[in-house]
């Protein structure tokens, strides 16, 4: 079973909408893996473990774009302030 875990980011919430049946299957999967309640087991982990690669890939693409946008904004802010990003 695949379990990558994640960092919580409020900007990336609700990328994946699991059905009620999928949520129950995810809960059962967490139980089978013996993961405690404080461990991260994301919806993307569930999709990967159930071979729903296309859905996982779409969510990861959104995450990549969002992170790229944030990076670009930060670099633009550094340029505006005359900050050298190497420092």
PDB file of N, CA and C in Angstrom:
ATOM      1  N   UNK A   1       0.828  -1.183   0.000  1.00  0.00           N
ATOM      2  CA  UNK A   1       0.000   0.000   0.000  1.00  0.00           C
ATOM      3  C   UNK A   1       0.872   1.246   0.000  1.00  0.00           C
ATOM      4  N   UNK A   2       0.403   2.237  -0.677  1.00  0.00           N
ATOM      5  CA  UNK A   2       1.120   3.493  -0.814  1.00  0.00           C
ATOM      6  C   UNK A   2       0.620   4.469   0.238  1.00  0.00           C
ATOM      7  N   UNK A   3       1.540   5.136   0.912  1.00  0.00           N
ATOM      8  CA  UNK A   3       1.179   6.176   1.873  1.00  0.00           C
ATOM      9  C   UNK A   3       2.250   7.241   1.860  1.00  0.00           C
ATOM     10  N   UNK A   4       1.977   8.324   1.167  1.00  0.00           N
ATOM     11  CA  UNK A   4       2.970   9.385   1.047  1.00  0.00           C
ATOM     12  C   UNK A   4       2.813  10.434   2.129  1.00  0.00           C
ATOM     13  N   UNK A   5       1.618  10.596   2.714  1.00  0.00           N
ATOM     14  CA  UNK A   5       1.391  11.646   3.694  1.00  0.00           C
ATOM     15  C   UNK A   5       1.495  13.015   3.034  1.00  0.00           C
ATOM     16  N   UNK A   6       1.349  14.060   3.780  1.00  0.00           N
ATOM     17  CA  UNK A   6       1.402  15.398   3.199  1.00  0.00           C
ATOM     18  C   UNK A   6       1.498  16.443   4.290  1.00  0.00           C
ATOM     19  N   UNK A   7       1.800  17.639   3.858  1.00  0.00           N
ATOM     20  CA  UNK A   7       1.717  18.820   4.708  1.00  0.00           C
ATOM     21  C   UNK A   7       0.345  19.446   4.466  1.00  0.00           C
ATOM     22  N   UNK A   8      -0.296  19.896   5.497  1.00  0.00           N
ATOM     23  CA  UNK A   8      -1.607  20.512   5.358  1.00  0.00           C
ATOM     24  C   UNK A   8      -1.446  21.916   4.775  1.00  0.00           C
ATOM     25  N   UNK A   9      -2.218  22.209   3.755  1.00  0.00           N
ATOM     26  CA  UNK A   9      -2.206  23.540   3.143  1.00  0.00           C
ATOM     27  C   UNK A   9      -3.645  23.942   2.842  1.00  0.00           C
ATOM     28  N   UNK A  10      -4.098  25.005   3.453  1.00  0.00           N
ATOM     29  CA  UNK A  10      -5.497  25.416   3.289  1.00  0.00           C
ATOM     30  C   UNK A  10      -5.825  25.800   1.853  1.00  0.00           C
ATOM     31  N   UNK A  11      -4.830  26.171   1.067  1.00  0.00           N
ATOM     32  CA  UNK A  11      -5.069  26.567  -0.321  1.00  0.00           C
ATOM     33  C   UNK A  11      -5.358  25.368  -1.221  1.00  0.00           C
ATOM     34  N   UNK A  12      -5.035  24.180  -0.759  1.00  0.00           N
ATOM     35  CA  UNK A  12      -5.185  22.998  -1.595  1.00  0.00           C
ATOM     36  C   UNK A  12      -6.318  22.083  -1.134  1.00  0.00           C
ATOM     37  N   UNK A  13      -7.177  22.577  -0.266  1.00  0.00           N
ATOM     38  CA  UNK A  13      -8.286  21.775   0.224  1.00  0.00           C
ATOM     39  C   UNK A  13      -9.316  21.534  -0.876  1.00  0.00           C
ATOM     40  N   UNK A  14      -9.971  20.430  -0.762  1.00  0.00           N
ATOM     41  CA  UNK A  14     -11.104  20.072  -1.624  1.00  0.00           C
ATOM     42  C   UNK A  14     -10.730  19.874  -3.088  1.00  0.00           C
ATOM     43  N   UNK A  15      -9.542  19.398  -3.334  1.00  0.00           N
ATOM     44  CA  UNK A  15      -9.160  19.083  -4.714  1.00  0.00           C
ATOM     45  C   UNK A  15      -9.853  17.828  -5.205  1.00  0.00           C
ATOM     46  N   UNK A  16     -10.113  16.925  -4.290  1.00  0.00           N
ATOM     47  CA  UNK A  16     -10.711  15.640  -4.639  1.00  0.00           C
ATOM     48  C   UNK A  16     -12.019  15.504  -3.874  1.00  0.00           C
ATOM     49  N   UNK A  17     -13.049  15.104  -4.576  1.00  0.00           N
ATOM     50  CA  UNK A  17     -14.336  14.857  -3.945  1.00  0.00           C
ATOM     51  C   UNK A  17     -14.584  13.350  -3.941  1.00  0.00           C
ATOM     52  N   UNK A  18     -14.390  12.714  -2.795  1.00  0.00           N
ATOM     53  CA  UNK A  18     -14.665  11.293  -2.673  1.00  0.00           C
ATOM     54  C   UNK A  18     -16.150  11.080  -2.426  1.00  0.00           C
ATOM     55  N   UNK A  19     -16.691  10.034  -3.039  1.00  0.00           N
ATOM     56  CA  UNK A  19     -18.091   9.679  -2.794  1.00  0.00           C
ATOM     57  C   UNK A  19     -18.210   9.081  -1.398  1.00  0.00           C
ATOM     58  N   UNK A  20     -19.417   8.914  -0.923  1.00  0.00           N
ATOM     59  CA  UNK A  20     -19.636   8.302   0.385  1.00  0.00           C
ATOM     60  C   UNK A  20     -19.036   6.905   0.450  1.00  0.00           C
ATOM     61  N   UNK A  21     -19.205   6.140  -0.610  1.00  0.00           N
ATOM     62  CA  UNK A  21     -18.644   4.793  -0.685  1.00  0.00           C
ATOM     63  C   UNK A  21     -17.120   4.831  -0.631  1.00  0.00           C
ATOM     64  N   UNK A  22     -16.527   5.781  -1.350  1.00  0.00           N
ATOM     65  CA  UNK A  22     -15.066   5.914  -1.348  1.00  0.00           C
ATOM     66  C   UNK A  22     -14.552   6.322   0.028  1.00  0.00           C
ATOM     67  N   UNK A  23     -15.293   7.192   0.705  1.00  0.00           N
ATOM     68  CA  UNK A  23     -14.883   7.605   2.057  1.00  0.00           C
ATOM     69  C   UNK A  23     -14.891   6.412   3.007  1.00  0.00           C
ATOM     70  N   UNK A  24     -15.904   5.554   2.887  1.00  0.00           N
ATOM     71  CA  UNK A  24     -15.958   4.362   3.732  1.00  0.00           C
ATOM     72  C   UNK A  24     -14.802   3.420   3.394  1.00  0.00           C
ATOM     73  N   UNK A  25     -14.501   3.249   2.107  1.00  0.00           N
ATOM     74  CA  UNK A  25     -13.378   2.397   1.697  1.00  0.00           C
ATOM     75  C   UNK A  25     -12.058   2.966   2.200  1.00  0.00           C
ATOM     76  N   UNK A  26     -11.920   4.295   2.164  1.00  0.00           N
ATOM     77  CA  UNK A  26     -10.704   4.932   2.664  1.00  0.00           C
ATOM     78  C   UNK A  26     -10.558   4.683   4.164  1.00  0.00           C
ATOM     79  N   UNK A  27     -11.644   4.824   4.918  1.00  0.00           N
ATOM     80  CA  UNK A  27     -11.612   4.571   6.356  1.00  0.00           C
ATOM     81  C   UNK A  27     -11.196   3.137   6.639  1.00  0.00           C
ATOM     82  N   UNK A  28     -11.733   2.199   5.877  1.00  0.00           N
ATOM     83  CA  UNK A  28     -11.368   0.791   6.047  1.00  0.00           C
ATOM     84  C   UNK A  28      -9.899   0.561   5.690  1.00  0.00           C
ATOM     85  N   UNK A  29      -9.418   1.230   4.658  1.00  0.00           N
ATOM     86  CA  UNK A  29      -8.025   1.097   4.247  1.00  0.00           C
ATOM     87  C   UNK A  29      -7.091   1.605   5.354  1.00  0.00           C
ATOM     88  N   UNK A  30      -7.443   2.728   5.961  1.00  0.00           N
ATOM     89  CA  UNK A  30      -6.654   3.287   7.066  1.00  0.00           C
ATOM     90  C   UNK A  30      -6.624   2.290   8.218  1.00  0.00           C
ATOM     91  N   UNK A  31      -7.763   1.698   8.503  1.00  0.00           N
ATOM     92  CA  UNK A  31      -7.841   0.712   9.580  1.00  0.00           C
ATOM     93  C   UNK A  31      -6.961  -0.497   9.267  1.00  0.00           C
ATOM     94  N   UNK A  32      -7.008  -0.999   8.037  1.00  0.00           N
ATOM     95  CA  UNK A  32      -6.196  -2.154   7.637  1.00  0.00           C
ATOM     96  C   UNK A  32      -4.704  -1.848   7.710  1.00  0.00           C
ATOM     97  N   UNK A  33      -4.341  -0.604   7.372  1.00  0.00           N
ATOM     98  CA  UNK A  33      -2.932  -0.212   7.414  1.00  0.00           C
ATOM     99  C   UNK A  33      -2.432   0.017   8.836  1.00  0.00           C
ATOM    100  N   UNK A  34      -3.361   0.115   9.777  1.00  0.00           N
ATOM    101  CA  UNK A  34      -2.969   0.339  11.162  1.00  0.00           C
ATOM    102  C   UNK A  34      -2.445   1.737  11.411  1.00  0.00           C
ATOM    103  N   UNK A  35      -2.934   2.693  10.659  1.00  0.00           N
ATOM    104  CA  UNK A  35      -2.495   4.082  10.803  1.00  0.00           C
ATOM    105  C   UNK A  35      -3.260   4.717  11.953  1.00  0.00           C
ATOM    106  N   UNK A  36      -2.541   5.384  12.853  1.00  0.00           N
ATOM    107  CA  UNK A  36      -3.228   6.028  13.964  1.00  0.00           C
ATOM    108  C   UNK A  36      -3.929   7.294  13.486  1.00  0.00           C
ATOM    109  N   UNK A  37      -4.758   7.850  14.343  1.00  0.00           N
ATOM    110  CA  UNK A  37      -5.595   8.984  13.960  1.00  0.00           C
ATOM    111  C   UNK A  37      -4.807  10.258  13.694  1.00  0.00           C
ATOM    112  N   UNK A  38      -3.547  10.312  14.126  1.00  0.00           N
ATOM    113  CA  UNK A  38      -2.752  11.524  13.923  1.00  0.00           C
ATOM    114  C   UNK A  38      -1.902  11.459  12.658  1.00  0.00           C
ATOM    115  N   UNK A  39      -1.871  10.317  12.007  1.00  0.00           N
ATOM    116  CA  UNK A  39      -1.061  10.153  10.802  1.00  0.00           C
ATOM    117  C   UNK A  39      -1.811  10.705   9.591  1.00  0.00           C
ATOM    118  N   UNK A  40      -1.066  11.096   8.593  1.00  0.00           N
ATOM    119  CA  UNK A  40      -1.664  11.598   7.359  1.00  0.00           C
ATOM    120  C   UNK A  40      -1.883  10.455   6.382  1.00  0.00           C
ATOM    121  N   UNK A  41      -3.092  10.331   5.916  1.00  0.00           N
ATOM    122  CA  UNK A  41      -3.434   9.423   4.824  1.00  0.00           C
ATOM    123  C   UNK A  41      -4.424  10.200   3.985  1.00  0.00           C
ATOM    124  N   UNK A  42      -3.950  10.743   2.889  1.00  0.00           N
ATOM    125  CA  UNK A  42      -4.731  11.704   2.124  1.00  0.00           C
ATOM    126  C   UNK A  42      -5.654  11.026   1.131  1.00  0.00           C
ATOM    127  N   UNK A  43      -6.544  11.829   0.565  1.00  0.00           N
ATOM    128  CA  UNK A  43      -7.400  11.341  -0.509  1.00  0.00           C
ATOM    129  C   UNK A  43      -6.550  10.918  -1.707  1.00  0.00           C
ATOM    130  N   UNK A  44      -5.447  11.604  -1.946  1.00  0.00           N
ATOM    131  CA  UNK A  44      -4.546  11.212  -3.037  1.00  0.00           C
ATOM    132  C   UNK A  44      -3.944   9.844  -2.738  1.00  0.00           C
ATOM    133  N   UNK A  45      -3.573   9.590  -1.484  1.00  0.00           N
ATOM    134  CA  UNK A  45      -3.088   8.262  -1.109  1.00  0.00           C
ATOM    135  C   UNK A  45      -4.144   7.207  -1.434  1.00  0.00           C
ATOM    136  N   UNK A  46      -5.380   7.492  -1.075  1.00  0.00           N
ATOM    137  CA  UNK A  46      -6.475   6.553  -1.355  1.00  0.00           C
ATOM    138  C   UNK A  46      -6.599   6.301  -2.855  1.00  0.00           C
ATOM    139  N   UNK A  47      -6.599   7.372  -3.648  1.00  0.00           N
ATOM    140  CA  UNK A  47      -6.729   7.217  -5.100  1.00  0.00           C
ATOM    141  C   UNK A  47      -5.586   6.389  -5.676  1.00  0.00           C
ATOM    142  N   UNK A  48      -4.380   6.638  -5.222  1.00  0.00           N
ATOM    143  CA  UNK A  48      -3.239   5.872  -5.719  1.00  0.00           C
ATOM    144  C   UNK A  48      -3.361   4.391  -5.350  1.00  0.00           C
ATOM    145  N   UNK A  49      -3.809   4.116  -4.135  1.00  0.00           N
ATOM    146  CA  UNK A  49      -3.949   2.734  -3.693  1.00  0.00           C
ATOM    147  C   UNK A  49      -5.103   2.004  -4.368  1.00  0.00           C
ATOM    148  N   UNK A  50      -6.044   2.740  -4.914  1.00  0.00           N
ATOM    149  CA  UNK A  50      -7.154   2.111  -5.631  1.00  0.00           C
ATOM    150  C   UNK A  50      -6.980   2.253  -7.146  1.00  0.00           C
ATOM    151  N   UNK A  51      -5.767   2.606  -7.548  1.00  0.00           N
ATOM    152  CA  UNK A  51      -5.374   2.699  -8.962  1.00  0.00           C
ATOM    153  C   UNK A  51      -6.210   3.699  -9.765  1.00  0.00           C
ATOM    154  N   UNK A  52      -6.611   4.766  -9.109  1.00  0.00           N
ATOM    155  CA  UNK A  52      -7.326   5.848  -9.781  1.00  0.00           C
ATOM    156  C   UNK A  52      -6.318   6.944 -10.130  1.00  0.00           C
ATOM    157  N   UNK A  53      -5.385   6.558 -10.987  1.00  0.00           N
ATOM    158  CA  UNK A  53      -4.235   7.410 -11.297  1.00  0.00           C
ATOM    159  C   UNK A  53      -4.622   8.708 -11.998  1.00  0.00           C
ATOM    160  N   UNK A  54      -5.616   8.657 -12.836  1.00  0.00           N
ATOM    161  CA  UNK A  54      -6.020   9.875 -13.561  1.00  0.00           C
ATOM    162  C   UNK A  54      -6.532  10.939 -12.591  1.00  0.00           C
ATOM    163  N   UNK A  55      -7.387  10.543 -11.655  1.00  0.00           N
ATOM    164  CA  UNK A  55      -7.901  11.506 -10.664  1.00  0.00           C
ATOM    165  C   UNK A  55      -6.769  12.043  -9.794  1.00  0.00           C
ATOM    166  N   UNK A  56      -5.879  11.166  -9.364  1.00  0.00           N
ATOM    167  CA  UNK A  56      -4.742  11.604  -8.543  1.00  0.00           C
ATOM    168  C   UNK A  56      -3.855  12.550  -9.345  1.00  0.00           C
ATOM    169  N   UNK A  57      -3.621  12.222 -10.597  1.00  0.00           N
ATOM    170  CA  UNK A  57      -2.785  13.060 -11.457  1.00  0.00           C
ATOM    171  C   UNK A  57      -3.364  14.449 -11.661  1.00  0.00           C
ATOM    172  N   UNK A  58      -4.682  14.523 -11.848  1.00  0.00           N
ATOM    173  CA  UNK A  58      -5.314  15.845 -12.007  1.00  0.00           C
ATOM    174  C   UNK A  58      -5.129  16.689 -10.748  1.00  0.00           C
ATOM    175  N   UNK A  59      -5.324  16.072  -9.580  1.00  0.00           N
ATOM    176  CA  UNK A  59      -5.152  16.818  -8.326  1.00  0.00           C
ATOM    177  C   UNK A  59      -3.704  17.265  -8.161  1.00  0.00           C
ATOM    178  N   UNK A  60      -2.769  16.378  -8.462  1.00  0.00           N
ATOM    179  CA  UNK A  60      -1.349  16.742  -8.339  1.00  0.00           C
ATOM    180  C   UNK A  60      -0.965  17.836  -9.324  1.00  0.00           C
ATOM    181  N   UNK A  61      -1.581  17.856 -10.494  1.00  0.00           N
ATOM    182  CA  UNK A  61      -1.325  18.933 -11.464  1.00  0.00           C
ATOM    183  C   UNK A  61      -1.786  20.279 -10.926  1.00  0.00           C
ATOM    184  N   UNK A  62      -2.947  20.283 -10.270  1.00  0.00           N
ATOM    185  CA  UNK A  62      -3.443  21.523  -9.660  1.00  0.00           C
ATOM    186  C   UNK A  62      -2.488  21.985  -8.564  1.00  0.00           C
ATOM    187  N   UNK A  63      -2.013  21.041  -7.749  1.00  0.00           N
ATOM    188  CA  UNK A  63      -1.066  21.376  -6.681  1.00  0.00           C
ATOM    189  C   UNK A  63       0.204  21.960  -7.282  1.00  0.00           C
ATOM    190  N   UNK A  64       0.715  21.334  -8.319  1.00  0.00           N
ATOM    191  CA  UNK A  64       1.943  21.820  -8.962  1.00  0.00           C
ATOM    192  C   UNK A  64       1.756  23.236  -9.506  1.00  0.00           C
ATOM    193  N   UNK A  65       0.614  23.481 -10.156  1.00  0.00           N
ATOM    194  CA  UNK A  65       0.338  24.812 -10.700  1.00  0.00           C
ATOM    195  C   UNK A  65       0.233  25.838  -9.567  1.00  0.00           C
ATOM    196  N   UNK A  66      -0.461  25.486  -8.510  1.00  0.00           N
ATOM    197  CA  UNK A  66      -0.625  26.402  -7.380  1.00  0.00           C
ATOM    198  C   UNK A  66       0.719  26.747  -6.755  1.00  0.00           C
ATOM    199  N   UNK A  67       1.547  25.742  -6.544  1.00  0.00           N
ATOM    200  CA  UNK A  67       2.873  25.996  -5.976  1.00  0.00           C
ATOM    201  C   UNK A  67       3.729  26.843  -6.921  1.00  0.00           C
ATOM    202  N   UNK A  68       3.618  26.598  -8.218  1.00  0.00           N
ATOM    203  CA  UNK A  68       4.342  27.401  -9.201  1.00  0.00           C
ATOM    204  C   UNK A  68       3.897  28.855  -9.178  1.00  0.00           C
ATOM    205  N   UNK A  69       2.572  29.060  -9.048  1.00  0.00           N
ATOM    206  CA  UNK A  69       2.043  30.425  -8.972  1.00  0.00           C
ATOM    207  C   UNK A  69       2.560  31.150  -7.737  1.00  0.00           C
ATOM    208  N   UNK A  70       2.561  30.450  -6.597  1.00  0.00           N
ATOM    209  CA  UNK A  70       3.064  31.050  -5.353  1.00  0.00           C
ATOM    210  C   UNK A  70       4.545  31.400  -5.501  1.00  0.00           C
ATOM    211  N   UNK A  71       5.318  30.485  -6.082  1.00  0.00           N
ATOM    212  CA  UNK A  71       6.747  30.728  -6.284  1.00  0.00           C
ATOM    213  C   UNK A  71       6.953  31.960  -7.173  1.00  0.00           C
ATOM    214  N   UNK A  72       6.192  32.042  -8.268  1.00  0.00           N
ATOM    215  CA  UNK A  72       6.318  33.183  -9.186  1.00  0.00           C
ATOM    216  C   UNK A  72       5.982  34.494  -8.485  1.00  0.00           C
ATOM    217  N   UNK A  73       4.933  34.477  -7.668  1.00  0.00           N
ATOM    218  CA  UNK A  73       4.552  35.681  -6.923  1.00  0.00           C
ATOM    219  C   UNK A  73       5.656  36.099  -5.954  1.00  0.00           C
ATOM    220  N   UNK A  74       6.259  35.125  -5.296  1.00  0.00           N
ATOM    221  CA  UNK A  74       7.334  35.445  -4.349  1.00  0.00           C
ATOM    222  C   UNK A  74       8.554  35.998  -5.070  1.00  0.00           C
ATOM    223  N   UNK A  75       8.884  35.447  -6.215  1.00  0.00           N
ATOM    224  CA  UNK A  75      10.027  35.947  -6.977  1.00  0.00           C
ATOM    225  C   UNK A  75       9.755  37.361  -7.484  1.00  0.00           C
ATOM    226  N   UNK A  76       8.518  37.621  -7.900  1.00  0.00           N
ATOM    227  CA  UNK A  76       8.164  38.965  -8.348  1.00  0.00           C
ATOM    228  C   UNK A  76       8.254  39.956  -7.190  1.00  0.00           C
ATOM    229  N   UNK A  77       7.824  39.531  -6.002  1.00  0.00           N
ATOM    230  CA  UNK A  77       7.902  40.403  -4.825  1.00  0.00           C
ATOM    231  C   UNK A  77       9.359  40.691  -4.477  1.00  0.00           C
ATOM    232  N   UNK A  78      10.214  39.687  -4.605  1.00  0.00           N
ATOM    233  CA  UNK A  78      11.647  39.893  -4.331  1.00  0.00           C
ATOM    234  C   UNK A  78      12.244  40.881  -5.337  1.00  0.00           C
ATOM    235  N   UNK A  79      11.860  40.727  -6.602  1.00  0.00           N
ATOM    236  CA  UNK A  79      12.342  41.650  -7.634  1.00  0.00           C
ATOM    237  C   UNK A  79      11.902  43.067  -7.342  1.00  0.00           C
ATOM    238  N   UNK A  80      10.626  43.230  -6.924  1.00  0.00           N
ATOM    239  CA  UNK A  80      10.093  44.549  -6.609  1.00  0.00           C
ATOM    240  C   UNK A  80      10.832  45.201  -5.441  1.00  0.00           C
ATOM    241  N   UNK A  81      11.303  44.380  -4.520  1.00  0.00           N
ATOM    242  CA  UNK A  81      12.000  44.898  -3.349  1.00  0.00           C
ATOM    243  C   UNK A  81      13.509  44.970  -3.573  1.00  0.00           C
ATOM    244  N   UNK A  82      13.970  44.494  -4.715  1.00  0.00           N
ATOM    245  CA  UNK A  82      15.400  44.519  -5.009  1.00  0.00           C
ATOM    246  C   UNK A  82      16.160  43.472  -4.217  1.00  0.00           C
ATOM    247  N   UNK A  83      15.489  42.370  -3.851  1.00  0.00           N
ATOM    248  CA  UNK A  83      16.138  41.303  -3.090  1.00  0.00           C
ATOM    249  C   UNK A  83      16.702  40.291  -4.054  1.00  0.00           C
ATOM    250  N   UNK A  84      17.964  39.913  -3.825  1.00  0.00           N
ATOM    251  CA  UNK A  84      18.595  38.882  -4.624  1.00  0.00           C
ATOM    252  C   UNK A  84      18.175  37.527  -4.076  1.00  0.00           C
ATOM    253  N   UNK A  85      17.491  36.679  -4.896  1.00  0.00           N
ATOM    254  CA  UNK A  85      16.982  35.396  -4.392  1.00  0.00           C
ATOM    255  C   UNK A  85      18.076  34.440  -3.980  1.00  0.00           C
ATOM    256  N   UNK A  86      19.315  34.687  -4.335  1.00  0.00           N
ATOM    257  CA  UNK A  86      20.433  33.806  -3.939  1.00  0.00           C
ATOM    258  C   UNK A  86      20.793  34.015  -2.467  1.00  0.00           C
ATOM    259  N   UNK A  87      20.331  35.116  -1.873  1.00  0.00           N
ATOM    260  CA  UNK A  87      20.674  35.390  -0.474  1.00  0.00           C
ATOM    261  C   UNK A  87      19.683  34.790   0.470  1.00  0.00           C
TER     262      UNK A  87
END
